[in-house]
């Protein structure tokens, strides 16, 4: 684990009142970007189409 990963692992998911809890602007932006990226990944998994086919030989 790098120093950056350790530092960023303590930042929670984004919520609108993070500034009132003492988080800095870069920390809030990081949390917002991470939540946007996670929502994007979830939408990609939902849109994934899986096609299976079966061939039977007589």
PDB file of N, CA and C in Angstrom:
ATOM      1  N   UNK A   1       0.850  -1.173   0.000  1.00  0.00           N
ATOM      2  CA  UNK A   1       0.000   0.000   0.000  1.00  0.00           C
ATOM      3  C   UNK A   1       0.897   1.238   0.000  1.00  0.00           C
ATOM      4  N   UNK A   2       0.628   2.130  -0.909  1.00  0.00           N
ATOM      5  CA  UNK A   2       1.413   3.357  -0.982  1.00  0.00           C
ATOM      6  C   UNK A   2       0.876   4.386   0.011  1.00  0.00           C
ATOM      7  N   UNK A   3       1.606   5.457   0.177  1.00  0.00           N
ATOM      8  CA  UNK A   3       1.181   6.520   1.090  1.00  0.00           C
ATOM      9  C   UNK A   3      -0.120   7.150   0.601  1.00  0.00           C
ATOM     10  N   UNK A   4      -0.229   7.350  -0.719  1.00  0.00           N
ATOM     11  CA  UNK A   4      -1.451   7.925  -1.272  1.00  0.00           C
ATOM     12  C   UNK A   4      -2.666   7.053  -1.045  1.00  0.00           C
ATOM     13  N   UNK A   5      -2.505   5.734  -1.219  1.00  0.00           N
ATOM     14  CA  UNK A   5      -3.619   4.826  -0.985  1.00  0.00           C
ATOM     15  C   UNK A   5      -4.028   4.828   0.488  1.00  0.00           C
ATOM     16  N   UNK A   6      -3.043   4.872   1.370  1.00  0.00           N
ATOM     17  CA  UNK A   6      -3.336   4.916   2.804  1.00  0.00           C
ATOM     18  C   UNK A   6      -4.069   6.201   3.169  1.00  0.00           C
ATOM     19  N   UNK A   7      -3.594   7.324   2.653  1.00  0.00           N
ATOM     20  CA  UNK A   7      -4.204   8.618   2.941  1.00  0.00           C
ATOM     21  C   UNK A   7      -5.634   8.679   2.416  1.00  0.00           C
ATOM     22  N   UNK A   8      -5.834   8.190   1.195  1.00  0.00           N
ATOM     23  CA  UNK A   8      -7.158   8.264   0.571  1.00  0.00           C
ATOM     24  C   UNK A   8      -8.112   7.204   1.082  1.00  0.00           C
ATOM     25  N   UNK A   9      -7.611   6.167   1.720  1.00  0.00           N
ATOM     26  CA  UNK A   9      -8.507   5.135   2.226  1.00  0.00           C
ATOM     27  C   UNK A   9      -9.306   5.632   3.431  1.00  0.00           C
ATOM     28  N   UNK A  10      -8.854   6.680   4.078  1.00  0.00           N
ATOM     29  CA  UNK A  10      -9.556   7.224   5.239  1.00  0.00           C
ATOM     30  C   UNK A  10     -10.646   8.230   4.858  1.00  0.00           C
ATOM     31  N   UNK A  11     -10.754   8.546   3.573  1.00  0.00           N
ATOM     32  CA  UNK A  11     -11.764   9.492   3.108  1.00  0.00           C
ATOM     33  C   UNK A  11     -13.046   8.716   2.802  1.00  0.00           C
ATOM     34  N   UNK A  12     -14.176   9.087   3.410  1.00  0.00           N
ATOM     35  CA  UNK A  12     -15.426   8.352   3.167  1.00  0.00           C
ATOM     36  C   UNK A  12     -16.018   8.707   1.807  1.00  0.00           C
ATOM     37  N   UNK A  13     -17.119   8.052   1.473  1.00  0.00           N
ATOM     38  CA  UNK A  13     -17.850   8.396   0.259  1.00  0.00           C
ATOM     39  C   UNK A  13     -18.361   9.832   0.386  1.00  0.00           C
ATOM     40  N   UNK A  14     -18.567  10.471  -0.752  1.00  0.00           N
ATOM     41  CA  UNK A  14     -18.990  11.871  -0.762  1.00  0.00           C
ATOM     42  C   UNK A  14     -20.382  12.035  -0.155  1.00  0.00           C
ATOM     43  N   UNK A  15     -20.531  13.075   0.629  1.00  0.00           N
ATOM     44  CA  UNK A  15     -21.843  13.516   1.102  1.00  0.00           C
ATOM     45  C   UNK A  15     -21.802  15.045   1.171  1.00  0.00           C
ATOM     46  N   UNK A  16     -22.937  15.699   0.991  1.00  0.00           N
ATOM     47  CA  UNK A  16     -22.967  17.152   0.792  1.00  0.00           C
ATOM     48  C   UNK A  16     -22.374  17.999   1.916  1.00  0.00           C
ATOM     49  N   UNK A  17     -22.349  17.536   3.140  1.00  0.00           N
ATOM     50  CA  UNK A  17     -21.869  18.374   4.240  1.00  0.00           C
ATOM     51  C   UNK A  17     -20.473  17.969   4.725  1.00  0.00           C
ATOM     52  N   UNK A  18     -19.652  17.479   3.825  1.00  0.00           N
ATOM     53  CA  UNK A  18     -18.301  17.048   4.217  1.00  0.00           C
ATOM     54  C   UNK A  18     -17.477  18.222   4.748  1.00  0.00           C
ATOM     55  N   UNK A  19     -17.694  19.404   4.208  1.00  0.00           N
ATOM     56  CA  UNK A  19     -16.910  20.564   4.641  1.00  0.00           C
ATOM     57  C   UNK A  19     -17.178  20.908   6.101  1.00  0.00           C
ATOM     58  N   UNK A  20     -18.373  20.626   6.585  1.00  0.00           N
ATOM     59  CA  UNK A  20     -18.699  20.895   7.982  1.00  0.00           C
ATOM     60  C   UNK A  20     -18.011  19.918   8.936  1.00  0.00           C
ATOM     61  N   UNK A  21     -17.624  18.772   8.409  1.00  0.00           N
ATOM     62  CA  UNK A  21     -16.934  17.775   9.227  1.00  0.00           C
ATOM     63  C   UNK A  21     -15.419  17.953   9.200  1.00  0.00           C
ATOM     64  N   UNK A  22     -14.929  18.996   8.514  1.00  0.00           N
ATOM     65  CA  UNK A  22     -13.514  19.315   8.552  1.00  0.00           C
ATOM     66  C   UNK A  22     -12.678  18.759   7.417  1.00  0.00           C
ATOM     67  N   UNK A  23     -13.301  18.201   6.390  1.00  0.00           N
ATOM     68  CA  UNK A  23     -12.537  17.704   5.249  1.00  0.00           C
ATOM     69  C   UNK A  23     -12.100  18.881   4.386  1.00  0.00           C
ATOM     70  N   UNK A  24     -10.908  18.765   3.801  1.00  0.00           N
ATOM     71  CA  UNK A  24     -10.392  19.836   2.946  1.00  0.00           C
ATOM     72  C   UNK A  24     -11.012  19.727   1.559  1.00  0.00           C
ATOM     73  N   UNK A  25     -10.828  20.774   0.766  1.00  0.00           N
ATOM     74  CA  UNK A  25     -11.391  20.793  -0.584  1.00  0.00           C
ATOM     75  C   UNK A  25     -10.835  19.654  -1.444  1.00  0.00           C
ATOM     76  N   UNK A  26      -9.517  19.385  -1.441  1.00  0.00           N
ATOM     77  CA  UNK A  26      -9.028  18.249  -2.240  1.00  0.00           C
ATOM     78  C   UNK A  26      -9.615  16.906  -1.786  1.00  0.00           C
ATOM     79  N   UNK A  27      -9.831  16.741  -0.504  1.00  0.00           N
ATOM     80  CA  UNK A  27     -10.419  15.497  -0.008  1.00  0.00           C
ATOM     81  C   UNK A  27     -11.871  15.358  -0.467  1.00  0.00           C
ATOM     82  N   UNK A  28     -12.603  16.463  -0.456  1.00  0.00           N
ATOM     83  CA  UNK A  28     -13.996  16.436  -0.899  1.00  0.00           C
ATOM     84  C   UNK A  28     -14.067  16.144  -2.390  1.00  0.00           C
ATOM     85  N   UNK A  29     -13.191  16.757  -3.169  1.00  0.00           N
ATOM     86  CA  UNK A  29     -13.176  16.502  -4.608  1.00  0.00           C
ATOM     87  C   UNK A  29     -12.810  15.057  -4.896  1.00  0.00           C
ATOM     88  N   UNK A  30     -11.850  14.509  -4.154  1.00  0.00           N
ATOM     89  CA  UNK A  30     -11.471  13.111  -4.345  1.00  0.00           C
ATOM     90  C   UNK A  30     -12.654  12.194  -4.053  1.00  0.00           C
ATOM     91  N   UNK A  31     -13.373  12.460  -2.977  1.00  0.00           N
ATOM     92  CA  UNK A  31     -14.537  11.642  -2.614  1.00  0.00           C
ATOM     93  C   UNK A  31     -15.629  11.749  -3.677  1.00  0.00           C
ATOM     94  N   UNK A  32     -15.849  12.942  -4.205  1.00  0.00           N
ATOM     95  CA  UNK A  32     -16.869  13.127  -5.234  1.00  0.00           C
ATOM     96  C   UNK A  32     -16.487  12.395  -6.512  1.00  0.00           C
ATOM     97  N   UNK A  33     -15.233  12.513  -6.913  1.00  0.00           N
ATOM     98  CA  UNK A  33     -14.779  11.812  -8.121  1.00  0.00           C
ATOM     99  C   UNK A  33     -14.889  10.305  -7.959  1.00  0.00           C
ATOM    100  N   UNK A  34     -14.529   9.812  -6.780  1.00  0.00           N
ATOM    101  CA  UNK A  34     -14.595   8.377  -6.539  1.00  0.00           C
ATOM    102  C   UNK A  34     -16.040   7.894  -6.590  1.00  0.00           C
ATOM    103  N   UNK A  35     -16.975   8.657  -6.027  1.00  0.00           N
ATOM    104  CA  UNK A  35     -18.376   8.230  -6.053  1.00  0.00           C
ATOM    105  C   UNK A  35     -18.942   8.277  -7.474  1.00  0.00           C
ATOM    106  N   UNK A  36     -18.554   9.280  -8.257  1.00  0.00           N
ATOM    107  CA  UNK A  36     -18.994   9.358  -9.657  1.00  0.00           C
ATOM    108  C   UNK A  36     -18.456   8.176 -10.445  1.00  0.00           C
ATOM    109  N   UNK A  37     -17.178   7.847 -10.228  1.00  0.00           N
ATOM    110  CA  UNK A  37     -16.554   6.728 -10.935  1.00  0.00           C
ATOM    111  C   UNK A  37     -17.219   5.406 -10.545  1.00  0.00           C
ATOM    112  N   UNK A  38     -17.538   5.229  -9.273  1.00  0.00           N
ATOM    113  CA  UNK A  38     -18.202   4.002  -8.820  1.00  0.00           C
ATOM    114  C   UNK A  38     -19.593   3.868  -9.435  1.00  0.00           C
ATOM    115  N   UNK A  39     -20.326   4.976  -9.533  1.00  0.00           N
ATOM    116  CA  UNK A  39     -21.644   4.936 -10.182  1.00  0.00           C
ATOM    117  C   UNK A  39     -21.507   4.583 -11.657  1.00  0.00           C
ATOM    118  N   UNK A  40     -20.456   5.107 -12.314  1.00  0.00           N
ATOM    119  CA  UNK A  40     -20.207   4.790 -13.720  1.00  0.00           C
ATOM    120  C   UNK A  40     -19.929   3.300 -13.896  1.00  0.00           C
ATOM    121  N   UNK A  41     -19.098   2.731 -13.026  1.00  0.00           N
ATOM    122  CA  UNK A  41     -18.787   1.304 -13.122  1.00  0.00           C
ATOM    123  C   UNK A  41     -20.031   0.448 -12.900  1.00  0.00           C
ATOM    124  N   UNK A  42     -20.879   0.838 -11.968  1.00  0.00           N
ATOM    125  CA  UNK A  42     -22.116   0.103 -11.725  1.00  0.00           C
ATOM    126  C   UNK A  42     -23.037   0.156 -12.938  1.00  0.00           C
ATOM    127  N   UNK A  43     -23.114   1.310 -13.595  1.00  0.00           N
ATOM    128  CA  UNK A  43     -23.975   1.421 -14.773  1.00  0.00           C
ATOM    129  C   UNK A  43     -23.428   0.594 -15.927  1.00  0.00           C
ATOM    130  N   UNK A  44     -22.126   0.461 -16.024  1.00  0.00           N
ATOM    131  CA  UNK A  44     -21.531  -0.351 -17.078  1.00  0.00           C
ATOM    132  C   UNK A  44     -21.820  -1.830 -16.841  1.00  0.00           C
ATOM    133  N   UNK A  45     -21.833  -2.256 -15.593  1.00  0.00           N
ATOM    134  CA  UNK A  45     -22.123  -3.650 -15.297  1.00  0.00           C
ATOM    135  C   UNK A  45     -23.581  -3.986 -15.598  1.00  0.00           C
ATOM    136  N   UNK A  46     -24.461  -3.040 -15.377  1.00  0.00           N
ATOM    137  CA  UNK A  46     -25.880  -3.263 -15.647  1.00  0.00           C
ATOM    138  C   UNK A  46     -26.108  -3.360 -17.147  1.00  0.00           C
ATOM    139  N   UNK A  47     -25.405  -2.558 -17.933  1.00  0.00           N
ATOM    140  CA  UNK A  47     -25.595  -2.522 -19.379  1.00  0.00           C
ATOM    141  C   UNK A  47     -24.875  -3.649 -20.109  1.00  0.00           C
ATOM    142  N   UNK A  48     -24.121  -4.451 -19.387  1.00  0.00           N
ATOM    143  CA  UNK A  48     -23.382  -5.525 -20.009  1.00  0.00           C
ATOM    144  C   UNK A  48     -24.345  -6.605 -20.491  1.00  0.00           C
ATOM    145  N   UNK A  49     -24.164  -7.040 -21.734  1.00  0.00           N
ATOM    146  CA  UNK A  49     -25.028  -8.065 -22.307  1.00  0.00           C
ATOM    147  C   UNK A  49     -24.213  -9.342 -22.447  1.00  0.00           C
ATOM    148  N   UNK A  50     -24.761 -10.420 -21.949  1.00  0.00           N
ATOM    149  CA  UNK A  50     -24.088 -11.704 -22.048  1.00  0.00           C
ATOM    150  C   UNK A  50     -24.908 -12.607 -22.952  1.00  0.00           C
ATOM    151  N   UNK A  51     -24.242 -13.151 -23.959  1.00  0.00           N
ATOM    152  CA  UNK A  51     -24.892 -14.023 -24.901  1.00  0.00           C
ATOM    153  C   UNK A  51     -24.261 -15.403 -24.774  1.00  0.00           C
ATOM    154  N   UNK A  52     -25.079 -16.383 -24.563  1.00  0.00           N
ATOM    155  CA  UNK A  52     -24.595 -17.765 -24.521  1.00  0.00           C
ATOM    156  C   UNK A  52     -25.322 -18.542 -25.595  1.00  0.00           C
ATOM    157  N   UNK A  53     -24.605 -19.435 -26.223  1.00  0.00           N
ATOM    158  CA  UNK A  53     -25.233 -20.259 -27.258  1.00  0.00           C
ATOM    159  C   UNK A  53     -24.828 -21.705 -27.040  1.00  0.00           C
ATOM    160  N   UNK A  54     -25.668 -22.578 -27.526  1.00  0.00           N
ATOM    161  CA  UNK A  54     -25.410 -23.996 -27.375  1.00  0.00           C
ATOM    162  C   UNK A  54     -25.657 -24.665 -28.714  1.00  0.00           C
ATOM    163  N   UNK A  55     -24.729 -25.495 -29.106  1.00  0.00           N
ATOM    164  CA  UNK A  55     -24.860 -26.206 -30.388  1.00  0.00           C
ATOM    165  C   UNK A  55     -24.959 -27.692 -30.064  1.00  0.00           C
ATOM    166  N   UNK A  56     -26.014 -28.313 -30.575  1.00  0.00           N
ATOM    167  CA  UNK A  56     -26.214 -29.753 -30.381  1.00  0.00           C
ATOM    168  C   UNK A  56     -26.025 -30.457 -31.714  1.00  0.00           C
ATOM    169  N   UNK A  57     -25.215 -31.479 -31.693  1.00  0.00           N
ATOM    170  CA  UNK A  57     -24.964 -32.265 -32.909  1.00  0.00           C
ATOM    171  C   UNK A  57     -25.705 -33.581 -32.781  1.00  0.00           C
ATOM    172  N   UNK A  58     -26.472 -33.908 -33.804  1.00  0.00           N
ATOM    173  CA  UNK A  58     -27.249 -35.158 -33.783  1.00  0.00           C
ATOM    174  C   UNK A  58     -26.435 -36.301 -34.327  1.00  0.00           C
TER     175      UNK A  58
END
